[in-house]
Protein backbone atom coordinates (compact mmCIF):
# COMPACT_ATOMS: atom_id res chain seq x y z
CA MET A 1 74.83 -19.74 24.35
CA GLY A 2 73.30 -17.85 27.25
CA LYS A 3 71.38 -14.66 26.70
CA SER A 4 69.35 -12.32 28.92
CA GLU A 5 67.38 -9.24 27.99
CA GLN A 6 65.33 -6.65 29.95
CA ASN A 7 64.05 -3.11 29.34
CA LEU A 8 64.87 -0.41 31.59
CA SER A 9 62.42 2.67 31.94
CA ILE A 10 64.25 5.99 31.38
CA ASN A 11 62.13 7.67 34.21
CA GLY A 12 62.14 11.13 32.76
CA LEU A 13 65.93 11.40 32.14
CA THR A 14 67.18 13.30 29.22
CA ASN A 15 69.17 11.37 26.72
CA LYS A 16 72.50 13.13 28.06
CA GLN A 17 71.64 12.12 31.59
CA PHE A 18 70.81 8.48 30.61
CA LEU A 19 73.94 8.08 28.49
CA VAL A 20 76.35 9.47 31.11
CA ILE A 21 74.78 7.32 33.80
CA ALA A 22 74.85 4.36 31.54
CA PHE A 23 78.53 4.77 30.80
CA GLU A 24 79.51 5.43 34.44
CA ALA A 25 77.62 2.28 35.50
CA ILE A 26 80.06 0.15 33.40
CA LYS A 27 83.01 1.98 35.00
CA TYR A 28 81.47 1.46 38.45
CA LEU A 29 81.15 -2.27 37.84
CA GLY A 30 84.77 -2.51 36.53
CA TRP A 31 83.87 -3.70 33.24
CA ARG A 32 85.56 -2.86 29.99
CA ILE A 33 83.83 -0.53 27.45
CA ARG A 34 84.09 -1.81 23.77
CA PHE A 35 82.53 1.43 22.19
CA ILE A 36 80.18 4.27 23.13
CA SER A 37 77.86 6.44 20.99
CA ASP A 38 74.73 8.54 21.34
CA ALA A 39 72.72 5.39 20.89
CA GLY A 40 74.16 3.53 23.93
CA VAL A 41 77.11 1.34 24.77
CA ILE A 42 78.65 -2.04 24.23
CA ALA A 43 80.85 -3.55 27.08
CA TYR A 44 82.43 -6.69 28.39
CA THR A 45 81.94 -8.03 31.89
CA GLN A 46 85.86 -8.34 32.11
CA ASN A 47 86.06 -11.43 34.28
CA SER A 48 89.19 -13.55 34.47
CA GLU A 49 90.35 -15.73 31.34
CA TYR A 50 89.10 -18.88 32.75
CA SER A 51 85.67 -17.77 34.04
CA TRP A 52 82.47 -16.76 32.37
CA ASN A 53 82.34 -13.54 30.35
CA GLY A 54 79.51 -11.66 28.58
CA GLU A 55 78.99 -8.88 26.18
CA LEU A 56 76.49 -6.28 27.45
CA THR A 57 74.68 -4.00 25.04
CA VAL A 58 72.70 -0.98 26.27
CA LYS A 59 70.65 0.61 23.52
CA LEU A 60 68.68 3.78 24.13
CA GLY A 61 65.17 4.03 22.82
CA GLN A 62 62.34 6.49 23.04
CA ASP A 63 61.06 5.96 26.61
CA THR A 64 63.09 2.80 27.57
CA ALA A 65 66.46 1.33 27.13
CA ASN A 66 67.08 -2.29 26.11
CA ILE A 67 69.58 -4.01 28.23
CA GLN A 68 70.95 -7.29 26.81
CA CYS A 69 73.71 -9.58 27.84
CA VAL A 70 75.18 -12.43 25.62
CA SER A 71 77.55 -15.15 26.90
CA ILE A 72 80.85 -15.09 25.13
CA SER A 73 82.50 -17.98 26.87
CA GLY A 74 82.81 -21.39 25.40
CA GLY A 75 80.32 -23.18 27.42
CA ILE A 76 76.88 -24.05 26.08
CA ASN A 77 74.92 -23.11 29.31
CA ASP A 78 76.09 -19.99 31.34
CA PHE A 79 73.92 -21.12 34.31
CA GLY A 80 72.16 -17.87 34.75
CA GLN A 81 75.31 -15.59 34.40
CA SER A 82 73.81 -13.44 31.60
CA GLU A 83 70.76 -12.77 33.71
CA ARG A 84 72.75 -11.98 36.70
CA ALA A 85 74.96 -9.47 34.65
CA VAL A 86 71.90 -7.62 33.50
CA SER A 87 70.47 -7.36 36.92
CA GLN A 88 74.06 -6.29 38.33
CA TYR A 89 74.08 -3.57 35.56
CA ILE A 90 70.49 -2.17 36.24
CA SER A 91 71.29 -2.21 39.88
CA ALA A 92 74.44 -0.09 39.40
CA PHE A 93 72.46 2.09 36.91
CA GLU A 94 69.68 2.82 39.53
CA LYS A 95 72.31 3.51 42.29
CA LEU A 96 74.01 6.22 40.13
CA THR A 97 70.70 7.76 38.90
CA THR A 98 71.00 10.61 41.52
CA ALA A 99 74.74 10.61 41.95
CA PHE A 100 75.49 13.46 39.54
CA THR A 101 74.62 17.04 39.47
CA ASP A 102 73.28 18.70 36.08
CA ASP A 103 76.62 20.48 35.74
CA GLU A 104 78.62 17.18 36.23
CA ILE A 105 76.38 15.55 33.67
CA ARG A 106 77.17 18.30 31.13
CA GLN A 107 80.90 18.05 31.78
CA LYS A 108 81.13 14.34 31.52
CA TYR A 109 78.89 14.13 28.34
CA LYS A 110 81.36 16.61 26.71
CA ILE A 111 84.16 14.27 27.41
CA TYR A 112 82.37 11.10 26.42
CA LYS A 113 81.07 12.67 23.18
CA LYS A 114 84.65 13.01 21.83
CA ASP A 115 84.82 9.20 21.74
CA PHE A 116 81.41 8.58 20.22
CA LEU A 117 81.59 6.14 17.28
CA PRO A 118 80.50 7.66 13.90
CA PRO A 119 76.98 6.67 12.94
CA TYR A 120 78.50 4.83 9.87
CA GLU A 121 80.28 2.50 12.15
CA ASP A 122 77.74 2.24 14.98
CA THR A 123 76.21 -1.22 15.12
CA LEU A 124 73.57 0.04 17.61
CA LYS A 125 72.05 2.03 14.77
CA PRO A 126 70.42 0.90 11.42
CA ASP A 127 72.97 0.04 8.82
CA ILE A 128 73.32 3.23 6.49
CA THR A 129 75.97 1.76 4.33
CA PRO A 130 75.21 2.60 0.70
CA LYS A 131 74.18 -0.58 -1.26
CA TYR A 132 74.32 -0.27 -5.00
CA ASN A 133 72.88 -2.80 -7.50
CA PHE A 134 73.16 -1.95 -11.23
CA SER A 135 73.12 -5.49 -12.65
CA GLY A 136 70.57 -4.43 -15.30
CA GLY A 137 73.27 -2.46 -17.37
CA PHE A 138 73.05 1.06 -18.50
CA LEU A 139 69.20 1.28 -18.17
CA SER A 140 69.35 0.42 -14.55
CA TYR A 141 70.72 3.86 -13.88
CA PHE A 142 67.33 5.22 -14.66
CA LYS A 143 65.28 2.73 -12.57
CA PRO A 144 64.31 3.35 -8.99
CA ARG A 145 65.56 0.96 -6.47
CA ALA A 146 66.12 0.84 -2.68
CA GLY A 147 68.68 3.59 -1.87
CA TYR A 148 68.48 4.96 -5.37
CA CYS A 149 64.90 6.07 -5.80
CA VAL A 150 64.50 9.75 -5.88
CA THR A 151 67.58 10.37 -8.08
CA PRO A 152 66.52 8.35 -11.19
CA ILE A 153 62.99 9.74 -11.04
CA LEU A 154 64.38 13.30 -11.14
CA ILE A 155 66.77 12.20 -14.04
CA ASP A 156 63.84 10.71 -16.03
CA LEU A 157 61.60 13.68 -15.45
CA ASN A 158 64.18 16.12 -16.70
CA ILE A 159 64.79 14.05 -19.80
CA LEU A 160 60.99 13.67 -20.50
CA ILE A 161 60.39 17.33 -20.16
CA PHE A 162 63.14 18.17 -22.58
CA LEU A 163 61.83 15.54 -25.18
CA VAL A 164 58.30 17.13 -24.94
CA MET A 165 59.92 20.64 -25.44
CA VAL A 166 61.73 19.44 -28.44
CA CYS A 167 58.54 17.80 -29.90
CA THR A 168 56.69 21.23 -29.58
CA GLY A 169 59.36 22.96 -31.61
CA VAL A 170 62.03 24.01 -29.20
CA SER A 171 65.51 23.85 -30.49
CA VAL A 172 67.61 20.77 -29.43
CA PHE A 173 70.80 22.70 -29.03
CA GLN A 174 70.16 26.34 -28.58
CA PRO A 175 66.64 27.23 -27.36
CA ASP A 176 65.90 30.96 -27.43
CA GLY A 177 64.75 32.98 -24.38
CA LYS A 178 61.14 33.33 -25.55
CA SER A 179 60.64 29.60 -25.78
CA MET A 180 62.36 28.96 -22.52
CA ILE A 181 60.21 31.58 -20.76
CA GLY A 182 57.18 29.98 -22.31
CA TRP A 183 58.24 26.59 -20.59
CA GLY A 184 58.77 28.06 -17.26
CA ALA A 185 62.21 29.77 -17.14
CA ASN A 186 63.19 31.89 -14.15
CA ALA A 187 62.73 35.39 -15.84
CA THR A 188 62.90 38.48 -13.61
CA ILE A 189 59.93 40.31 -14.80
CA TYR A 190 57.64 37.31 -14.97
CA THR A 191 58.91 35.44 -11.77
CA LEU A 192 58.63 38.60 -9.64
CA ASP A 193 55.27 39.67 -11.05
CA GLY A 194 53.30 36.91 -9.27
CA GLN A 195 54.64 33.93 -11.40
CA TRP A 196 56.61 32.50 -8.30
CA TRP A 197 56.20 29.03 -9.57
CA ARG A 198 58.84 29.62 -11.94
CA LEU A 199 61.41 29.47 -9.00
CA ILE A 200 61.00 25.66 -9.15
CA SER A 201 59.77 24.98 -12.83
CA ASN A 202 63.04 26.42 -14.17
CA CYS A 203 64.85 23.63 -12.37
CA PHE A 204 63.44 21.04 -14.72
CA ILE A 205 64.06 22.72 -18.11
CA HIS A 206 67.48 23.07 -19.97
CA PHE A 207 69.02 25.26 -22.60
CA GLY A 208 69.66 22.44 -25.02
CA VAL A 209 70.81 18.83 -24.93
CA ILE A 210 74.39 19.42 -23.89
CA HIS A 211 73.22 21.47 -20.84
CA LEU A 212 70.82 18.60 -19.96
CA LEU A 213 73.47 15.90 -20.28
CA MET A 214 76.03 17.72 -18.26
CA ASN A 215 73.47 18.38 -15.45
CA MET A 216 72.11 14.81 -15.42
CA TYR A 217 75.61 13.31 -15.09
CA ALA A 218 76.32 15.63 -12.16
CA LEU A 219 72.88 14.68 -10.63
CA PHE A 220 73.56 10.98 -11.09
CA PHE A 221 76.90 11.22 -9.47
CA VAL A 222 75.75 13.08 -6.29
CA GLY A 223 72.42 11.17 -6.09
CA LEU A 224 74.24 7.80 -6.30
CA LEU A 225 76.43 8.61 -3.34
CA LEU A 226 74.20 10.98 -1.41
CA GLU A 227 70.58 9.52 -1.52
CA PRO A 228 71.59 6.37 0.52
CA PHE A 229 72.63 8.52 3.40
CA LEU A 230 69.75 10.92 3.28
CA GLY A 231 66.96 8.77 2.38
CA LYS A 232 64.10 9.60 -0.11
CA ALA A 233 62.22 12.29 1.99
CA LYS A 234 65.30 14.29 3.03
CA PHE A 235 66.84 14.00 -0.53
CA ILE A 236 63.81 15.29 -2.36
CA THR A 237 63.18 17.99 0.18
CA ALA A 238 66.88 19.25 -0.02
CA TYR A 239 66.65 19.11 -3.78
CA LEU A 240 63.50 21.26 -4.17
CA LEU A 241 64.48 23.72 -1.39
CA THR A 242 67.95 24.36 -2.65
CA GLY A 243 66.50 24.71 -6.26
CA ILE A 244 64.14 27.52 -4.92
CA LEU A 245 66.90 29.25 -3.02
CA ALA A 246 69.30 29.04 -5.88
CA SER A 247 66.70 30.66 -8.21
CA LEU A 248 66.15 33.44 -5.74
CA ALA A 249 69.86 34.02 -5.56
CA SER A 250 69.95 34.44 -9.25
CA LEU A 251 67.11 36.99 -9.15
CA TRP A 252 68.85 38.86 -6.35
CA TRP A 253 72.32 38.99 -8.12
CA HIS A 254 71.26 39.74 -11.74
CA ASP A 255 69.46 42.95 -12.62
CA ASN A 256 67.55 40.98 -15.36
CA THR A 257 67.80 37.23 -16.12
CA VAL A 258 66.35 34.40 -17.89
CA SER A 259 67.81 31.32 -16.43
CA ALA A 260 66.89 27.60 -16.26
CA GLY A 261 68.47 24.19 -15.45
CA ALA A 262 68.88 21.77 -12.68
CA SER A 263 72.34 23.04 -11.78
CA GLY A 264 71.33 25.25 -8.81
CA ALA A 265 69.46 22.34 -7.08
CA ILE A 266 72.49 19.93 -8.02
CA PHE A 267 74.99 22.40 -6.36
CA GLY A 268 72.58 22.31 -3.42
CA MET A 269 72.95 18.63 -3.15
CA TYR A 270 76.72 18.85 -3.25
CA GLY A 271 76.43 21.59 -0.53
CA VAL A 272 74.60 19.02 1.57
CA PHE A 273 77.19 16.39 0.92
CA LEU A 274 80.05 18.78 1.94
CA ALA A 275 78.22 19.41 5.15
CA LEU A 276 77.95 15.66 5.81
CA LEU A 277 81.59 15.09 4.84
CA SER A 278 82.78 17.66 7.37
CA THR A 279 81.27 15.56 10.21
CA ASN A 280 81.97 12.06 11.36
CA HIS A 281 78.68 10.78 10.01
CA ILE A 282 80.60 9.08 7.16
CA GLU A 283 83.17 6.72 7.62
CA ARG A 284 86.61 8.12 7.75
CA SER A 285 88.09 5.99 5.03
CA MET A 286 85.50 7.17 2.58
CA ARG A 287 85.33 10.75 3.82
CA ASN A 288 88.65 12.04 2.39
CA GLY A 289 88.38 10.57 -1.08
CA LEU A 290 84.89 11.94 -1.46
CA LEU A 291 85.60 15.44 -0.01
CA ALA A 292 88.49 15.63 -2.54
CA ASN A 293 86.44 14.67 -5.47
CA ILE A 294 83.45 16.77 -4.51
CA GLY A 295 85.59 19.76 -3.67
CA VAL A 296 87.31 19.56 -7.00
CA PHE A 297 84.01 19.39 -8.89
CA VAL A 298 82.59 22.42 -6.98
CA VAL A 299 85.68 24.57 -7.26
CA TYR A 300 86.21 23.78 -11.01
CA ASN A 301 82.66 24.55 -11.95
CA LEU A 302 82.54 27.83 -9.94
CA VAL A 303 85.89 29.02 -11.48
CA TYR A 304 84.84 27.92 -14.92
CA GLY A 305 81.41 29.54 -14.55
CA SER A 306 83.08 32.90 -13.54
CA PHE A 307 85.16 32.94 -16.75
CA LYS A 308 82.64 31.54 -19.35
CA GLY A 309 79.47 33.74 -20.22
CA GLY A 310 76.03 32.23 -19.89
CA ILE A 311 76.65 30.25 -16.78
CA ASP A 312 74.72 31.42 -13.70
CA ASN A 313 77.21 31.21 -10.87
CA ALA A 314 74.85 33.11 -8.55
CA ALA A 315 72.44 30.17 -8.72
CA HIS A 316 75.27 27.88 -8.15
CA LEU A 317 76.54 29.68 -5.10
CA GLY A 318 73.10 30.15 -3.82
CA GLY A 319 72.35 26.29 -4.08
CA LEU A 320 75.78 25.45 -2.76
CA LEU A 321 75.44 27.65 0.47
CA SER A 322 71.78 26.73 1.10
CA GLY A 323 72.74 23.07 0.61
CA VAL A 324 75.49 23.32 3.26
CA LEU A 325 73.02 24.80 5.78
CA ILE A 326 70.33 22.29 5.06
CA GLY A 327 72.94 19.44 5.42
CA TYR A 328 74.00 20.63 8.93
CA ALA A 329 70.24 21.08 9.82
CA PHE A 330 69.67 17.42 8.83
CA MET A 331 72.36 16.06 11.20
CA PRO A 332 70.19 15.48 14.30
CA ALA A 333 67.88 13.28 12.23
CA LEU A 334 70.90 11.55 10.55
CA GLN A 335 72.46 10.74 13.84
CA LYS A 336 69.25 9.06 15.09
CA PRO A 337 68.06 7.14 11.99
CA ASP A 338 65.78 5.01 14.03
CA SER A 339 63.79 7.92 15.42
CA THR A 340 60.87 8.69 13.20
CA ARG A 341 59.75 11.57 15.51
CA ILE A 342 63.05 13.31 15.01
CA LYS A 343 63.04 12.83 11.35
CA LYS A 344 59.57 14.49 11.01
CA ILE A 345 60.51 17.49 13.26
CA ILE A 346 63.74 18.09 11.40
CA LEU A 347 62.13 17.62 7.96
CA VAL A 348 59.09 20.01 8.75
CA SER A 349 61.36 22.55 10.51
CA VAL A 350 63.85 22.80 7.62
CA SER A 351 61.11 23.03 5.16
CA VAL A 352 59.23 25.79 7.01
CA VAL A 353 62.32 27.93 7.74
CA ALA A 354 63.43 27.66 4.09
CA ILE A 355 60.03 28.53 2.70
CA ILE A 356 59.67 31.39 5.04
CA CYS A 357 63.11 32.78 4.08
CA SER A 358 62.10 32.19 0.35
CA VAL A 359 58.84 34.19 0.87
CA VAL A 360 60.62 37.12 2.61
CA ILE A 361 63.38 37.35 -0.11
CA TYR A 362 60.80 37.06 -2.85
CA ASP A 363 58.63 39.77 -1.33
CA LEU A 364 61.55 42.20 -1.07
CA LEU A 365 62.61 41.46 -4.71
CA SER A 366 59.14 41.84 -6.01
CA THR A 367 58.65 45.23 -4.43
CA SER A 368 62.08 46.60 -5.32
CA ASP A 369 62.71 49.50 -7.72
CA ARG A 370 64.59 47.07 -9.91
CA LEU A 371 61.44 45.22 -10.84
CA THR A 372 59.89 48.67 -11.60
CA TYR A 373 62.77 49.44 -13.73
CA GLN A 374 62.68 46.19 -15.76
CA LYS A 375 58.97 46.56 -16.30
CA ARG A 376 59.13 50.06 -17.58
CA ILE A 377 62.32 49.54 -19.66
CA VAL A 378 60.07 47.55 -21.97
CA GLU A 379 58.59 50.97 -22.91
CA PHE A 380 61.92 52.11 -24.08
CA TYR A 381 62.42 49.06 -26.34
CA ASN A 382 59.04 49.74 -27.89
CA LEU A 383 59.82 53.41 -28.51
CA GLU A 384 63.16 52.44 -30.02
CA SER A 385 61.62 49.90 -32.35
CA THR A 386 58.96 52.43 -33.44
CA ALA A 387 61.46 55.09 -34.17
CA LEU A 388 63.95 52.64 -36.13
CA ASN A 389 61.02 51.30 -38.23
CA GLU A 390 60.07 54.97 -39.25
CA LEU A 391 63.46 55.54 -40.69
CA LYS A 392 63.72 52.02 -42.03
CA GLU A 393 60.51 52.40 -44.12
CA SER A 394 61.40 55.94 -45.42
CA GLY A 395 62.76 54.84 -48.94
CA ASP A 396 59.40 54.84 -50.62
CA LYS A 397 57.78 57.81 -48.99
CA SER A 398 57.15 61.41 -50.34
CA GLU A 399 59.05 64.25 -48.85
CA GLN A 400 56.15 65.37 -46.77
CA MET A 401 55.55 61.85 -45.40
CA LEU A 402 59.24 61.39 -44.80
CA ARG A 403 59.17 64.56 -42.68
CA LEU A 404 56.31 63.14 -40.76
CA SER A 405 58.12 59.90 -40.09
CA LEU A 406 61.25 61.56 -38.98
CA GLN A 407 59.26 63.90 -36.81
CA LYS A 408 57.57 60.88 -35.19
CA GLY A 409 60.93 59.02 -34.70
CA MET A 410 62.40 62.23 -33.08
CA ASP A 411 59.43 62.36 -30.79
CA CYS A 412 60.18 58.74 -29.84
CA TRP A 413 63.80 59.34 -29.04
CA LYS A 414 62.93 62.49 -26.93
CA ARG A 415 60.41 60.42 -24.96
CA SER A 416 63.00 57.68 -24.58
CA ILE A 417 65.46 60.23 -23.16
CA ASN A 418 62.86 61.34 -20.67
CA LEU A 419 61.95 57.84 -19.72
CA ILE A 420 65.55 56.59 -18.97
CA THR A 421 66.17 59.99 -17.09
CA GLU A 422 63.10 59.23 -14.90
CA LEU A 423 63.96 55.59 -14.38
CA ASP A 424 67.51 56.66 -13.24
CA HIS A 425 66.08 58.28 -10.16
CA LEU A 426 65.13 54.85 -8.95
CA LYS A 427 67.21 52.83 -6.40
CA LEU A 428 69.26 50.70 -8.75
CA SER A 429 72.61 48.91 -9.02
CA GLU A 430 75.67 50.93 -10.14
CA LYS A 431 75.57 48.87 -13.19
CA LEU A 432 72.24 49.83 -14.11
CA HIS A 433 72.86 53.47 -13.48
CA LYS A 434 75.88 53.35 -15.88
CA ARG A 435 73.75 51.53 -18.41
CA ASN A 436 71.21 54.47 -18.19
CA LYS A 437 73.85 56.98 -18.95
CA ILE A 438 74.89 54.96 -22.00
CA LEU A 439 71.30 54.56 -23.15
CA ILE A 440 70.70 58.36 -22.81
CA HIS A 441 73.81 59.04 -25.04
CA TYR A 442 72.50 56.35 -27.44
CA CYS A 443 69.20 58.19 -27.64
CA GLN A 444 70.89 61.56 -28.11
CA LEU A 445 73.03 60.26 -30.93
CA ARG A 446 69.89 58.74 -32.80
CA LEU A 447 68.09 62.07 -32.25
CA GLN A 448 70.86 63.98 -33.78
CA SER A 449 71.04 61.63 -36.74
CA TYR A 450 67.27 62.16 -37.36
CA GLN A 451 67.51 65.88 -37.01
CA LEU A 452 70.35 66.09 -39.55
CA ILE A 453 68.34 63.84 -42.10
CA SER A 454 65.31 65.99 -41.54
CA GLN A 455 67.14 69.24 -41.99
CA ASN A 456 68.70 68.04 -45.29
CA ILE A 457 65.89 66.13 -46.98
CA ASN A 458 65.85 68.70 -49.88
CA LEU A 459 69.60 67.84 -50.49
CA ASP A 460 68.48 64.31 -51.25
CA ALA A 461 71.54 63.01 -49.17
CA GLY A 462 69.51 61.35 -46.49
CA ILE A 463 71.48 58.81 -44.29
CA ASP A 464 74.41 58.91 -46.72
CA MET A 465 75.53 62.47 -45.44
CA PRO A 466 79.12 62.37 -44.03
CA GLN A 467 77.75 63.89 -40.74
CA VAL A 468 75.14 61.20 -40.40
CA GLN A 469 77.68 58.50 -41.19
CA GLN A 470 79.99 59.80 -38.43
CA ILE A 471 77.05 59.67 -35.85
CA ASN A 472 76.23 56.17 -37.04
CA LYS A 473 79.80 55.06 -36.21
CA GLN A 474 79.29 56.48 -32.67
CA ILE A 475 75.94 54.73 -32.40
CA LYS A 476 77.59 51.41 -33.33
CA SER A 477 80.29 52.01 -30.70
CA THR A 478 77.61 52.80 -28.09
CA ILE A 479 75.58 49.59 -29.01
CA ASP A 480 78.75 47.58 -28.67
CA GLU A 481 79.34 48.99 -25.34
CA LEU A 482 75.84 48.13 -24.27
CA SER A 483 76.19 44.61 -25.56
CA SER A 484 79.34 44.08 -23.56
CA GLN A 485 77.67 44.66 -20.22
């Protein structure tokens, strides 16, 4: 079978200029185009049925283009026809190099672009078809392999960290907030008070084994499908960046939070996948089914999270939206999988932009009145605890000591009222302003209760007085109202 190959210098042409001229040269020669893409063109010489025919491939590279012609006729020897076809094509290309204005190039490129083959089906580009091999049984899901490398490492790391947490005494099913903060949860006061590393550390710890298993299943599903398309570097970059941005979204939305889990980053990966599925990068026959499945997963979890308490939908939405943006930003690199230079530029650019945005958001949150409020509200809880302990320990005290304890408690409630009143002048959310009013009312009720007990110590009625009992009912109602927020 005859074959001829030659490299053609691009000579300073842009990719758009080269492609338009390459396509027009095929038309100029009267040959038939098989398909076109942003990587080049494949065409047939279109000779008569009984004469020689060849398949011409023009593949765009960095500084040169590869021109190749292969005989598709039945003869063993093409007697130099392939070589002549290559020369013929190069001659036509050079003749058309100066035939079009920049405006004509732009217009023609727009028209041609509509017929570009999706990268998934483009034989001029590396094969990006996902390849799966799980012959090793269940354990193979946790072992890195080509096309499925980062995902199992992330799953293994999350499981390992959870096991270490449990071994140090953290509850298997319902870890408390204190232990989670100790392991790096995203906590408003700590994270925004200089412990920025919690923005990423929280993505690797979970509130119990059920939380872990659900997240790891979701990560396995999206990683299995998405990692072959993105590759290792883009996958881990997108995972970490969307995890950070999801954590910031949680801090921005909630007045005070203690959150953890990989779900923000996982939603980020689903966002990246949705971005890819909205383009022609993935084969059309696969696209619709995947889009339906992933769409159902995202919508269901967001709706479920909005009705069930304890689920951080702010982090989910933050991860999802940042993932969509990062997915679109990755497209130039995905469309040219053989260009190492473009891959590096896109990867660095996306990382730099995301980190700069994260730093700006973090700085705004860490200097906000809301953080000042959350820091100082701890003073209120300390005053409340002191006042309640004074009354709680009053049973074995003399009358004089009891009066002193009650007076100390009343001083604490007065200071609490002054503190909350002062904090209410900060720029806070409406929810916090409303909560402040309830807290002030709560302190006033406590103060009234202590005053009544102090005034009636001689009657030996104490907290069993009807008036005190009535106030205590109002206090319970107020506490319930605070808890419901």
